[in-house]
Amino acid sequence: MPGLLILAHAPLATALRQVAGHVFPERLDRVLALDVVPDALPEQVEAQARALLVPLEGEQILLLTDVFGATPSNVAQRLTDGVDVRLVTGVNVPMLWRLLSHLEEPLESLVGRAVAGGGQGVMQIAVQRPQNQALNSRLHDQSHAQHQQ
C-alpha cells in the first residue's frame, strides 16, 4: 500500500492530513505532511521531506503538492524517481479522499485517481443571483408564499 506525503504551504499540509483523519482514521498512518513556511530554503525543505520518508523507504510513494512551480512542488520534483515515487500537484480534499478510498491499488492507478478526484471535486454549484435582488429580501419574510424555481 503506497504512502502519501503532502508538501504544501503552511498550514495546508497538516490541515489536509487532519481532514483525511476525519473520514479515514485507519489509513492516517499512510499519510505524512510537511508544511513549508515562507522563509524556508528549498534545501531545508528537501532534507525535512527526506527525513519524513525514511520509514517508507523501499515502498511506493505518492507526493502531493498544492501549487505547481512553488517551493513545495519544486522540492517534490527532486524526490521523484518516476518508478516508486510519483508527484501530483493541486492537492485538495476530494483528491485526498479519493486516494484514501483506493490506497490498495497500484501507484500508477492512484495517480490517475488523484487527478480525476481533484478535478471532479471542483464544480460550480450556485448561480449568481440577479443584481436587483436583495440578499436577505425573502429570508426574513415568513408569509412569502411563492417559490422561484
Protein backbone atom coordinates (compact mmCIF):
# COMPACT_ATOMS: atom_id res chain seq x y z
CA MET A 1 0.00 0.00 0.00
CA PRO A 2 1.64 3.28 -1.11
CA GLY A 3 2.37 6.08 1.28
CA LEU A 4 1.32 9.67 0.71
CA LEU A 5 3.38 12.75 1.50
CA ILE A 6 1.65 16.11 1.31
CA LEU A 7 4.05 19.03 0.82
CA ALA A 8 2.23 22.34 0.89
CA HIS A 9 2.43 25.91 2.10
CA ALA A 10 1.90 26.09 5.86
CA PRO A 11 -0.52 25.15 7.37
CA LEU A 12 -2.23 23.39 4.44
CA ALA A 13 -0.36 20.07 4.53
CA THR A 14 -1.16 19.47 8.20
CA ALA A 15 -4.75 20.63 7.73
CA LEU A 16 -5.28 18.23 4.82
CA ARG A 17 -3.84 15.37 6.87
CA GLN A 18 -6.23 16.20 9.70
CA VAL A 19 -9.19 16.26 7.28
CA ALA A 20 -8.09 12.87 5.95
CA GLY A 21 -8.25 11.56 9.51
CA HIS A 22 -11.88 12.64 9.85
CA VAL A 23 -13.00 10.12 7.24
CA PHE A 24 -10.13 7.62 7.09
CA PRO A 25 -8.61 7.41 10.58
CA GLU A 26 -7.47 3.84 9.93
CA ARG A 27 -5.31 4.98 6.99
CA LEU A 28 -3.81 8.07 8.59
CA ASP A 29 -0.55 6.22 9.25
CA ARG A 30 -0.04 6.18 5.45
CA VAL A 31 -0.35 9.99 5.19
CA LEU A 32 2.60 12.23 6.02
CA ALA A 33 2.52 16.02 5.95
CA LEU A 34 5.17 18.70 5.61
CA ASP A 35 4.18 22.34 5.98
CA VAL A 36 6.53 24.66 4.10
CA VAL A 37 6.98 28.01 5.85
CA PRO A 38 7.52 31.17 3.77
CA ASP A 39 11.21 31.68 4.56
CA ALA A 40 12.28 28.03 4.26
CA LEU A 41 15.18 27.29 1.95
CA PRO A 42 14.45 24.57 -0.63
CA GLU A 43 17.43 22.56 0.64
CA GLN A 44 15.99 22.60 4.17
CA VAL A 45 12.57 21.51 2.94
CA GLU A 46 14.13 18.70 0.92
CA ALA A 47 16.08 17.47 3.95
CA GLN A 48 12.90 17.52 6.06
CA ALA A 49 10.97 15.64 3.38
CA ARG A 50 13.66 13.00 3.01
CA ALA A 51 13.71 12.51 6.78
CA LEU A 52 9.93 12.05 6.81
CA LEU A 53 10.18 9.43 4.06
CA VAL A 54 12.76 7.25 5.85
CA PRO A 55 10.09 4.97 7.40
CA LEU A 56 8.66 4.40 3.89
CA GLU A 57 12.00 3.53 2.31
CA GLY A 58 11.55 0.83 -0.33
CA GLU A 59 7.82 1.47 -0.62
CA GLN A 60 5.87 3.28 -3.32
CA ILE A 61 5.13 6.90 -2.51
CA LEU A 62 2.77 9.46 -3.98
CA LEU A 63 3.79 13.06 -3.37
CA LEU A 64 1.01 15.65 -3.32
CA THR A 65 1.70 19.39 -3.52
CA ASP A 66 -0.53 22.43 -3.57
CA VAL A 67 0.80 24.60 -6.42
CA PHE A 68 2.97 23.71 -9.39
CA GLY A 69 6.11 25.83 -9.58
CA ALA A 70 6.19 26.82 -5.91
CA THR A 71 8.76 25.59 -3.38
CA PRO A 72 6.78 22.51 -2.23
CA SER A 73 6.37 21.34 -5.82
CA ASN A 74 9.96 22.13 -6.76
CA VAL A 75 11.24 20.15 -3.77
CA ALA A 76 8.89 17.26 -4.52
CA GLN A 77 10.25 17.08 -8.07
CA ARG A 78 13.70 16.41 -6.60
CA LEU A 79 12.26 13.47 -4.64
CA THR A 80 10.53 11.87 -7.62
CA ASP A 81 12.26 8.97 -9.31
CA GLY A 82 9.46 8.08 -11.74
CA VAL A 83 9.41 4.44 -10.61
CA ASP A 84 8.45 4.22 -6.95
CA VAL A 85 7.76 7.90 -6.31
CA ARG A 86 5.24 9.99 -8.28
CA LEU A 87 4.06 13.57 -7.96
CA VAL A 88 0.66 15.20 -8.41
CA THR A 89 0.08 18.91 -7.82
CA GLY A 90 -3.13 20.75 -6.96
CA VAL A 91 -3.98 18.66 -3.91
CA ASN A 92 -7.45 19.17 -2.49
CA VAL A 93 -9.79 17.30 -0.16
CA PRO A 94 -11.71 15.37 -2.88
CA MET A 95 -8.39 14.20 -4.33
CA LEU A 96 -7.12 13.06 -0.95
CA TRP A 97 -10.32 11.23 -0.04
CA ARG A 98 -10.38 9.51 -3.44
CA LEU A 99 -6.82 8.34 -2.89
CA LEU A 100 -7.51 7.03 0.58
CA SER A 101 -10.57 5.17 -0.72
CA HIS A 102 -8.36 3.27 -3.18
CA LEU A 103 -4.99 3.16 -1.42
CA GLU A 104 -4.64 -0.58 -2.01
CA GLU A 105 -4.34 -0.01 -5.77
CA PRO A 106 -1.00 0.25 -7.64
CA LEU A 107 0.77 3.59 -7.73
CA GLU A 108 0.04 4.25 -11.40
CA SER A 109 -3.67 3.75 -10.81
CA LEU A 110 -3.56 6.09 -7.82
CA VAL A 111 -2.00 8.84 -9.93
CA GLY A 112 -4.99 8.67 -12.30
CA ARG A 113 -7.44 8.61 -9.41
CA ALA A 114 -5.74 11.63 -7.83
CA VAL A 115 -6.04 13.71 -10.98
CA ALA A 116 -9.64 12.63 -11.59
CA GLY A 117 -10.68 13.13 -7.97
CA GLY A 118 -9.10 16.55 -7.77
CA GLY A 119 -10.72 17.75 -10.97
CA GLN A 120 -14.13 16.26 -10.26
CA GLY A 121 -14.13 17.90 -6.85
CA VAL A 122 -14.13 21.36 -8.43
CA MET A 123 -17.51 22.48 -9.71
CA GLN A 124 -19.87 25.43 -9.78
CA ILE A 125 -22.90 24.65 -7.67
CA ALA A 126 -24.64 28.03 -7.38
CA VAL A 127 -25.66 30.59 -9.92
CA GLN A 128 -25.34 34.31 -9.43
CA ARG A 129 -28.50 35.99 -8.14
CA PRO A 130 -29.95 38.87 -10.18
CA GLN A 131 -28.30 42.21 -9.41
CA ASN A 132 -31.55 43.83 -8.26
CA GLN A 133 -32.45 41.05 -5.84
CA ALA A 134 -31.51 41.82 -2.26
CA LEU A 135 -29.68 39.03 -0.50
CA ASN A 136 -31.98 38.78 2.50
CA SER A 137 -35.22 40.05 0.98
CA ARG A 138 -37.05 36.72 1.23
CA LEU A 139 -35.12 35.10 4.04
CA HIS A 140 -36.97 37.05 6.72
CA ASP A 141 -40.40 37.12 5.11
CA GLN A 142 -42.29 34.21 6.64
CA SER A 143 -45.52 34.99 4.74
CA HIS A 144 -43.85 34.68 1.32
CA ALA A 145 -45.99 32.06 -0.45
CA GLN A 146 -44.29 31.88 -3.85
CA HIS A 147 -41.09 29.99 -4.56
CA GLN A 148 -38.85 30.60 -7.52
CA GLN A 149 -37.85 27.50 -9.43
